């Protein structure tokens, strides 16, 4: 069982933010985004940036390693390399 949070007085999402970062960050997040519904992408970097990195690192035979590193399918990487 999880021990009680020292931020138990905060609503769930703000409690999680405070636990991961700190209460000041949770407060700033609240002030900036309160009332909004936010969906976070699975990937941190956009496709164009990721593809630029893949293109730099591609050596002709490392598609599988790049797919694992960047969490894209081998098929997607091959397709992008063919198109560009």
PDB file of N, CA and C in Angstrom:
ATOM      1  N   UNK A   1       0.838  -1.201   0.000  1.00  0.00           N
ATOM      2  CA  UNK A   1       0.000   0.000   0.000  1.00  0.00           C
ATOM      3  C   UNK A   1       0.878   1.258   0.000  1.00  0.00           C
ATOM      4  N   UNK A   2       0.456   2.219  -0.768  1.00  0.00           N
ATOM      5  CA  UNK A   2       1.202   3.461  -0.924  1.00  0.00           C
ATOM      6  C   UNK A   2       1.043   4.337   0.326  1.00  0.00           C
ATOM      7  N   UNK A   3       2.150   4.910   0.822  1.00  0.00           N
ATOM      8  CA  UNK A   3       2.025   5.808   1.985  1.00  0.00           C
ATOM      9  C   UNK A   3       1.297   7.087   1.597  1.00  0.00           C
ATOM     10  N   UNK A   4       0.643   7.742   2.546  1.00  0.00           N
ATOM     11  CA  UNK A   4      -0.083   8.976   2.221  1.00  0.00           C
ATOM     12  C   UNK A   4       0.882  10.063   1.726  1.00  0.00           C
ATOM     13  N   UNK A   5       0.404  10.832   0.791  1.00  0.00           N
ATOM     14  CA  UNK A   5       1.208  11.899   0.215  1.00  0.00           C
ATOM     15  C   UNK A   5       1.275  13.088   1.160  1.00  0.00           C
ATOM     16  N   UNK A   6       2.413  13.756   1.152  1.00  0.00           N
ATOM     17  CA  UNK A   6       2.501  14.984   1.945  1.00  0.00           C
ATOM     18  C   UNK A   6       1.721  16.118   1.283  1.00  0.00           C
ATOM     19  N   UNK A   7       1.236  15.844   0.060  1.00  0.00           N
ATOM     20  CA  UNK A   7       0.419  16.824  -0.669  1.00  0.00           C
ATOM     21  C   UNK A   7      -1.040  16.371  -0.753  1.00  0.00           C
ATOM     22  N   UNK A   8      -1.510  15.666   0.248  1.00  0.00           N
ATOM     23  CA  UNK A   8      -2.859  15.096   0.207  1.00  0.00           C
ATOM     24  C   UNK A   8      -3.959  16.158   0.107  1.00  0.00           C
ATOM     25  N   UNK A   9      -3.652  17.386   0.413  1.00  0.00           N
ATOM     26  CA  UNK A   9      -4.621  18.485   0.342  1.00  0.00           C
ATOM     27  C   UNK A   9      -4.832  18.991  -1.092  1.00  0.00           C
ATOM     28  N   UNK A  10      -4.001  18.535  -2.033  1.00  0.00           N
ATOM     29  CA  UNK A  10      -4.149  18.953  -3.429  1.00  0.00           C
ATOM     30  C   UNK A  10      -5.036  17.981  -4.195  1.00  0.00           C
ATOM     31  N   UNK A  11      -5.711  18.460  -5.233  1.00  0.00           N
ATOM     32  CA  UNK A  11      -6.467  17.580  -6.113  1.00  0.00           C
ATOM     33  C   UNK A  11      -5.498  16.642  -6.835  1.00  0.00           C
ATOM     34  N   UNK A  12      -6.028  15.500  -7.276  1.00  0.00           N
ATOM     35  CA  UNK A  12      -5.203  14.400  -7.790  1.00  0.00           C
ATOM     36  C   UNK A  12      -4.082  14.809  -8.738  1.00  0.00           C
ATOM     37  N   UNK A  13      -4.405  15.470  -9.832  1.00  0.00           N
ATOM     38  CA  UNK A  13      -3.385  15.761 -10.833  1.00  0.00           C
ATOM     39  C   UNK A  13      -2.334  16.714 -10.283  1.00  0.00           C
ATOM     40  N   UNK A  14      -2.757  17.690  -9.492  1.00  0.00           N
ATOM     41  CA  UNK A  14      -1.797  18.636  -8.926  1.00  0.00           C
ATOM     42  C   UNK A  14      -0.944  17.961  -7.854  1.00  0.00           C
ATOM     43  N   UNK A  15      -1.511  17.001  -7.155  1.00  0.00           N
ATOM     44  CA  UNK A  15      -0.752  16.213  -6.182  1.00  0.00           C
ATOM     45  C   UNK A  15       0.351  15.436  -6.891  1.00  0.00           C
ATOM     46  N   UNK A  16       0.001  14.823  -8.028  1.00  0.00           N
ATOM     47  CA  UNK A  16       1.006  14.068  -8.785  1.00  0.00           C
ATOM     48  C   UNK A  16       2.125  14.981  -9.278  1.00  0.00           C
ATOM     49  N   UNK A  17       1.761  16.147  -9.773  1.00  0.00           N
ATOM     50  CA  UNK A  17       2.773  17.090 -10.250  1.00  0.00           C
ATOM     51  C   UNK A  17       3.676  17.514  -9.093  1.00  0.00           C
ATOM     52  N   UNK A  18       3.097  17.818  -7.944  1.00  0.00           N
ATOM     53  CA  UNK A  18       3.884  18.214  -6.770  1.00  0.00           C
ATOM     54  C   UNK A  18       4.806  17.084  -6.320  1.00  0.00           C
ATOM     55  N   UNK A  19       4.328  15.849  -6.379  1.00  0.00           N
ATOM     56  CA  UNK A  19       5.155  14.719  -5.959  1.00  0.00           C
ATOM     57  C   UNK A  19       6.324  14.486  -6.911  1.00  0.00           C
ATOM     58  N   UNK A  20       6.095  14.677  -8.195  1.00  0.00           N
ATOM     59  CA  UNK A  20       7.155  14.465  -9.180  1.00  0.00           C
ATOM     60  C   UNK A  20       8.119  15.648  -9.195  1.00  0.00           C
ATOM     61  N   UNK A  21       7.613  16.866  -9.116  1.00  0.00           N
ATOM     62  CA  UNK A  21       8.446  18.059  -9.196  1.00  0.00           C
ATOM     63  C   UNK A  21       8.508  18.743  -7.837  1.00  0.00           C
ATOM     64  N   UNK A  22       7.571  19.623  -7.564  1.00  0.00           N
ATOM     65  CA  UNK A  22       7.449  20.287  -6.262  1.00  0.00           C
ATOM     66  C   UNK A  22       6.136  21.066  -6.237  1.00  0.00           C
ATOM     67  N   UNK A  23       5.777  21.578  -5.090  1.00  0.00           N
ATOM     68  CA  UNK A  23       4.496  22.269  -4.968  1.00  0.00           C
ATOM     69  C   UNK A  23       4.475  23.568  -5.772  1.00  0.00           C
ATOM     70  N   UNK A  24       5.581  24.264  -5.849  1.00  0.00           N
ATOM     71  CA  UNK A  24       5.633  25.500  -6.630  1.00  0.00           C
ATOM     72  C   UNK A  24       5.324  25.220  -8.098  1.00  0.00           C
ATOM     73  N   UNK A  25       5.881  24.150  -8.644  1.00  0.00           N
ATOM     74  CA  UNK A  25       5.618  23.778 -10.033  1.00  0.00           C
ATOM     75  C   UNK A  25       4.146  23.421 -10.218  1.00  0.00           C
ATOM     76  N   UNK A  26       3.583  22.684  -9.268  1.00  0.00           N
ATOM     77  CA  UNK A  26       2.159  22.330  -9.341  1.00  0.00           C
ATOM     78  C   UNK A  26       1.297  23.593  -9.329  1.00  0.00           C
ATOM     79  N   UNK A  27       1.660  24.551  -8.513  1.00  0.00           N
ATOM     80  CA  UNK A  27       0.910  25.805  -8.425  1.00  0.00           C
ATOM     81  C   UNK A  27       1.018  26.588  -9.732  1.00  0.00           C
ATOM     82  N   UNK A  28       2.217  26.657 -10.296  1.00  0.00           N
ATOM     83  CA  UNK A  28       2.412  27.360 -11.567  1.00  0.00           C
ATOM     84  C   UNK A  28       1.657  26.656 -12.695  1.00  0.00           C
ATOM     85  N   UNK A  29       1.697  25.335 -12.691  1.00  0.00           N
ATOM     86  CA  UNK A  29       0.966  24.555 -13.686  1.00  0.00           C
ATOM     87  C   UNK A  29      -0.530  24.864 -13.569  1.00  0.00           C
ATOM     88  N   UNK A  30      -1.058  24.860 -12.350  1.00  0.00           N
ATOM     89  CA  UNK A  30      -2.468  25.175 -12.091  1.00  0.00           C
ATOM     90  C   UNK A  30      -2.815  26.569 -12.628  1.00  0.00           C
ATOM     91  N   UNK A  31      -2.002  27.555 -12.305  1.00  0.00           N
ATOM     92  CA  UNK A  31      -2.296  28.924 -12.716  1.00  0.00           C
ATOM     93  C   UNK A  31      -2.307  29.073 -14.237  1.00  0.00           C
ATOM     94  N   UNK A  32      -1.452  28.332 -14.900  1.00  0.00           N
ATOM     95  CA  UNK A  32      -1.345  28.465 -16.353  1.00  0.00           C
ATOM     96  C   UNK A  32      -2.390  27.636 -17.106  1.00  0.00           C
ATOM     97  N   UNK A  33      -2.698  26.437 -16.600  1.00  0.00           N
ATOM     98  CA  UNK A  33      -3.539  25.509 -17.360  1.00  0.00           C
ATOM     99  C   UNK A  33      -4.895  25.190 -16.728  1.00  0.00           C
ATOM    100  N   UNK A  34      -5.259  25.809 -15.629  1.00  0.00           N
ATOM    101  CA  UNK A  34      -6.493  25.447 -14.927  1.00  0.00           C
ATOM    102  C   UNK A  34      -7.696  25.467 -15.860  1.00  0.00           C
ATOM    103  N   UNK A  35      -8.510  24.439 -15.746  1.00  0.00           N
ATOM    104  CA  UNK A  35      -9.726  24.341 -16.529  1.00  0.00           C
ATOM    105  C   UNK A  35      -9.560  23.726 -17.907  1.00  0.00           C
ATOM    106  N   UNK A  36      -8.338  23.541 -18.367  1.00  0.00           N
ATOM    107  CA  UNK A  36      -8.113  22.974 -19.695  1.00  0.00           C
ATOM    108  C   UNK A  36      -8.024  21.456 -19.630  1.00  0.00           C
ATOM    109  N   UNK A  37      -8.458  20.823 -20.691  1.00  0.00           N
ATOM    110  CA  UNK A  37      -8.240  19.389 -20.832  1.00  0.00           C
ATOM    111  C   UNK A  37      -7.006  19.234 -21.708  1.00  0.00           C
ATOM    112  N   UNK A  38      -6.024  18.520 -21.198  1.00  0.00           N
ATOM    113  CA  UNK A  38      -4.752  18.390 -21.898  1.00  0.00           C
ATOM    114  C   UNK A  38      -4.504  16.932 -22.225  1.00  0.00           C
ATOM    115  N   UNK A  39      -4.120  16.684 -23.476  1.00  0.00           N
ATOM    116  CA  UNK A  39      -3.714  15.353 -23.899  1.00  0.00           C
ATOM    117  C   UNK A  39      -2.240  15.444 -24.263  1.00  0.00           C
ATOM    118  N   UNK A  40      -1.445  14.588 -23.667  1.00  0.00           N
ATOM    119  CA  UNK A  40      -0.008  14.617 -23.924  1.00  0.00           C
ATOM    120  C   UNK A  40       0.363  13.567 -24.957  1.00  0.00           C
ATOM    121  N   UNK A  41       1.159  13.950 -25.953  1.00  0.00           N
ATOM    122  CA  UNK A  41       1.607  12.974 -26.954  1.00  0.00           C
ATOM    123  C   UNK A  41       2.485  11.905 -26.306  1.00  0.00           C
ATOM    124  N   UNK A  42       2.504  10.749 -26.899  1.00  0.00           N
ATOM    125  CA  UNK A  42       3.332   9.657 -26.408  1.00  0.00           C
ATOM    126  C   UNK A  42       4.811   9.979 -26.607  1.00  0.00           C
ATOM    127  N   UNK A  43       5.112  10.677 -27.672  1.00  0.00           N
ATOM    128  CA  UNK A  43       6.505  10.993 -28.001  1.00  0.00           C
ATOM    129  C   UNK A  43       6.827  12.438 -27.623  1.00  0.00           C
ATOM    130  N   UNK A  44       8.029  12.639 -27.129  1.00  0.00           N
ATOM    131  CA  UNK A  44       8.462  13.977 -26.721  1.00  0.00           C
ATOM    132  C   UNK A  44       8.792  14.850 -27.926  1.00  0.00           C
ATOM    133  N   UNK A  45       9.479  14.287 -28.911  1.00  0.00           N
ATOM    134  CA  UNK A  45       9.931  15.060 -30.071  1.00  0.00           C
ATOM    135  C   UNK A  45       8.995  14.852 -31.259  1.00  0.00           C
ATOM    136  N   UNK A  46       8.856  15.884 -32.097  1.00  0.00           N
ATOM    137  CA  UNK A  46       7.993  15.750 -33.260  1.00  0.00           C
ATOM    138  C   UNK A  46       8.662  14.867 -34.317  1.00  0.00           C
ATOM    139  N   UNK A  47       7.872  14.428 -35.267  1.00  0.00           N
ATOM    140  CA  UNK A  47       8.356  13.485 -36.282  1.00  0.00           C
ATOM    141  C   UNK A  47       9.491  14.044 -37.125  1.00  0.00           C
ATOM    142  N   UNK A  48       9.409  15.311 -37.486  1.00  0.00           N
ATOM    143  CA  UNK A  48      10.446  15.895 -38.337  1.00  0.00           C
ATOM    144  C   UNK A  48      11.804  15.900 -37.629  1.00  0.00           C
ATOM    145  N   UNK A  49      11.803  16.262 -36.367  1.00  0.00           N
ATOM    146  CA  UNK A  49      13.049  16.254 -35.595  1.00  0.00           C
ATOM    147  C   UNK A  49      13.581  14.823 -35.473  1.00  0.00           C
ATOM    148  N   UNK A  50      12.695  13.902 -35.150  1.00  0.00           N
ATOM    149  CA  UNK A  50      13.092  12.501 -35.013  1.00  0.00           C
ATOM    150  C   UNK A  50      13.638  11.972 -36.331  1.00  0.00           C
ATOM    151  N   UNK A  51      12.962  12.278 -37.423  1.00  0.00           N
ATOM    152  CA  UNK A  51      13.429  11.795 -38.710  1.00  0.00           C
ATOM    153  C   UNK A  51      14.801  12.379 -39.056  1.00  0.00           C
ATOM    154  N   UNK A  52      15.027  13.645 -38.727  1.00  0.00           N
ATOM    155  CA  UNK A  52      16.338  14.255 -38.987  1.00  0.00           C
ATOM    156  C   UNK A  52      17.430  13.500 -38.227  1.00  0.00           C
ATOM    157  N   UNK A  53      17.152  13.109 -37.003  1.00  0.00           N
ATOM    158  CA  UNK A  53      18.115  12.338 -36.217  1.00  0.00           C
ATOM    159  C   UNK A  53      18.345  10.964 -36.841  1.00  0.00           C
ATOM    160  N   UNK A  54      17.254  10.329 -37.251  1.00  0.00           N
ATOM    161  CA  UNK A  54      17.356   9.005 -37.868  1.00  0.00           C
ATOM    162  C   UNK A  54      18.188   9.092 -39.148  1.00  0.00           C
ATOM    163  N   UNK A  55      17.933  10.115 -39.938  1.00  0.00           N
ATOM    164  CA  UNK A  55      18.658  10.288 -41.199  1.00  0.00           C
ATOM    165  C   UNK A  55      20.163  10.444 -40.947  1.00  0.00           C
ATOM    166  N   UNK A  56      20.523  11.193 -39.888  1.00  0.00           N
ATOM    167  CA  UNK A  56      21.929  11.369 -39.534  1.00  0.00           C
ATOM    168  C   UNK A  56      22.582  10.051 -39.119  1.00  0.00           C
ATOM    169  N   UNK A  57      21.812   9.230 -38.412  1.00  0.00           N
ATOM    170  CA  UNK A  57      22.361   7.995 -37.843  1.00  0.00           C
ATOM    171  C   UNK A  57      22.239   6.784 -38.759  1.00  0.00           C
ATOM    172  N   UNK A  58      21.458   6.898 -39.802  1.00  0.00           N
ATOM    173  CA  UNK A  58      21.230   5.759 -40.699  1.00  0.00           C
ATOM    174  C   UNK A  58      22.504   5.422 -41.465  1.00  0.00           C
ATOM    175  N   UNK A  59      22.874   4.137 -41.427  1.00  0.00           N
ATOM    176  CA  UNK A  59      24.094   3.712 -42.114  1.00  0.00           C
ATOM    177  C   UNK A  59      23.823   2.688 -43.214  1.00  0.00           C
ATOM    178  N   UNK A  60      22.559   2.484 -43.546  1.00  0.00           N
ATOM    179  CA  UNK A  60      22.197   1.539 -44.589  1.00  0.00           C
ATOM    180  C   UNK A  60      21.772   0.180 -44.081  1.00  0.00           C
ATOM    181  N   UNK A  61      22.095  -0.111 -42.827  1.00  0.00           N
ATOM    182  CA  UNK A  61      21.739  -1.443 -42.311  1.00  0.00           C
ATOM    183  C   UNK A  61      21.318  -1.433 -40.844  1.00  0.00           C
ATOM    184  N   UNK A  62      20.984  -0.278 -40.303  1.00  0.00           N
ATOM    185  CA  UNK A  62      20.641  -0.204 -38.878  1.00  0.00           C
ATOM    186  C   UNK A  62      19.189   0.210 -38.613  1.00  0.00           C
ATOM    187  N   UNK A  63      18.298  -0.136 -39.516  1.00  0.00           N
ATOM    188  CA  UNK A  63      16.886   0.238 -39.359  1.00  0.00           C
ATOM    189  C   UNK A  63      16.308  -0.337 -38.070  1.00  0.00           C
ATOM    190  N   UNK A  64      16.606  -1.583 -37.777  1.00  0.00           N
ATOM    191  CA  UNK A  64      16.051  -2.214 -36.580  1.00  0.00           C
ATOM    192  C   UNK A  64      16.521  -1.491 -35.316  1.00  0.00           C
ATOM    193  N   UNK A  65      17.797  -1.175 -35.230  1.00  0.00           N
ATOM    194  CA  UNK A  65      18.335  -0.466 -34.062  1.00  0.00           C
ATOM    195  C   UNK A  65      17.712   0.923 -33.925  1.00  0.00           C
ATOM    196  N   UNK A  66      17.531   1.624 -35.039  1.00  0.00           N
ATOM    197  CA  UNK A  66      16.909   2.953 -35.007  1.00  0.00           C
ATOM    198  C   UNK A  66      15.448   2.870 -34.584  1.00  0.00           C
ATOM    199  N   UNK A  67      14.758   1.843 -35.058  1.00  0.00           N
ATOM    200  CA  UNK A  67      13.358   1.647 -34.671  1.00  0.00           C
ATOM    201  C   UNK A  67      13.247   1.442 -33.161  1.00  0.00           C
ATOM    202  N   UNK A  68      14.132   0.670 -32.609  1.00  0.00           N
ATOM    203  CA  UNK A  68      14.118   0.431 -31.159  1.00  0.00           C
ATOM    204  C   UNK A  68      14.487   1.701 -30.395  1.00  0.00           C
ATOM    205  N   UNK A  69      15.485   2.404 -30.868  1.00  0.00           N
ATOM    206  CA  UNK A  69      15.942   3.616 -30.185  1.00  0.00           C
ATOM    207  C   UNK A  69      14.879   4.711 -30.161  1.00  0.00           C
ATOM    208  N   UNK A  70      14.205   4.904 -31.296  1.00  0.00           N
ATOM    209  CA  UNK A  70      13.262   6.012 -31.417  1.00  0.00           C
ATOM    210  C   UNK A  70      11.795   5.611 -31.270  1.00  0.00           C
ATOM    211  N   UNK A  71      11.548   4.338 -31.015  1.00  0.00           N
ATOM    212  CA  UNK A  71      10.193   3.830 -30.765  1.00  0.00           C
ATOM    213  C   UNK A  71       9.228   4.043 -31.936  1.00  0.00           C
ATOM    214  N   UNK A  72       9.754   3.849 -33.128  1.00  0.00           N
ATOM    215  CA  UNK A  72       8.938   3.826 -34.335  1.00  0.00           C
ATOM    216  C   UNK A  72       9.108   2.451 -34.963  1.00  0.00           C
ATOM    217  N   UNK A  73       8.193   2.088 -35.832  1.00  0.00           N
ATOM    218  CA  UNK A  73       8.302   0.785 -36.482  1.00  0.00           C
ATOM    219  C   UNK A  73       9.390   0.829 -37.557  1.00  0.00           C
ATOM    220  N   UNK A  74       9.949  -0.327 -37.835  1.00  0.00           N
ATOM    221  CA  UNK A  74      10.930  -0.423 -38.919  1.00  0.00           C
ATOM    222  C   UNK A  74      10.283   0.002 -40.232  1.00  0.00           C
ATOM    223  N   UNK A  75       9.037  -0.376 -40.398  1.00  0.00           N
ATOM    224  CA  UNK A  75       8.300  -0.025 -41.616  1.00  0.00           C
ATOM    225  C   UNK A  75       8.216   1.490 -41.783  1.00  0.00           C
ATOM    226  N   UNK A  76       7.890   2.214 -40.709  1.00  0.00           N
ATOM    227  CA  UNK A  76       7.777   3.674 -40.780  1.00  0.00           C
ATOM    228  C   UNK A  76       9.132   4.284 -41.141  1.00  0.00           C
ATOM    229  N   UNK A  77      10.191   3.789 -40.520  1.00  0.00           N
ATOM    230  CA  UNK A  77      11.525   4.329 -40.790  1.00  0.00           C
ATOM    231  C   UNK A  77      11.921   4.086 -42.247  1.00  0.00           C
ATOM    232  N   UNK A  78      11.698   2.877 -42.737  1.00  0.00           N
ATOM    233  CA  UNK A  78      12.011   2.590 -44.144  1.00  0.00           C
ATOM    234  C   UNK A  78      11.214   3.494 -45.083  1.00  0.00           C
ATOM    235  N   UNK A  79       9.934   3.664 -44.769  1.00  0.00           N
ATOM    236  CA  UNK A  79       9.060   4.500 -45.601  1.00  0.00           C
ATOM    237  C   UNK A  79       9.575   5.940 -45.626  1.00  0.00           C
ATOM    238  N   UNK A  80       9.935   6.465 -44.476  1.00  0.00           N
ATOM    239  CA  UNK A  80      10.422   7.840 -44.411  1.00  0.00           C
ATOM    240  C   UNK A  80      11.749   7.986 -45.150  1.00  0.00           C
ATOM    241  N   UNK A  81      12.603   7.014 -45.030  1.00  0.00           N
ATOM    242  CA  UNK A  81      13.893   7.063 -45.728  1.00  0.00           C
ATOM    243  C   UNK A  81      13.699   7.002 -47.239  1.00  0.00           C
ATOM    244  N   UNK A  82      12.729   6.228 -47.693  1.00  0.00           N
ATOM    245  CA  UNK A  82      12.438   6.140 -49.123  1.00  0.00           C
ATOM    246  C   UNK A  82      11.836   7.429 -49.663  1.00  0.00           C
ATOM    247  N   UNK A  83      10.942   8.059 -48.868  1.00  0.00           N
ATOM    248  CA  UNK A  83      10.255   9.270 -49.311  1.00  0.00           C
ATOM    249  C   UNK A  83      11.165  10.486 -49.336  1.00  0.00           C
ATOM    250  N   UNK A  84      12.079  10.562 -48.434  1.00  0.00           N
ATOM    251  CA  UNK A  84      12.902  11.773 -48.305  1.00  0.00           C
ATOM    252  C   UNK A  84      14.135  11.642 -49.139  1.00  0.00           C
TER     253      UNK A  84
END
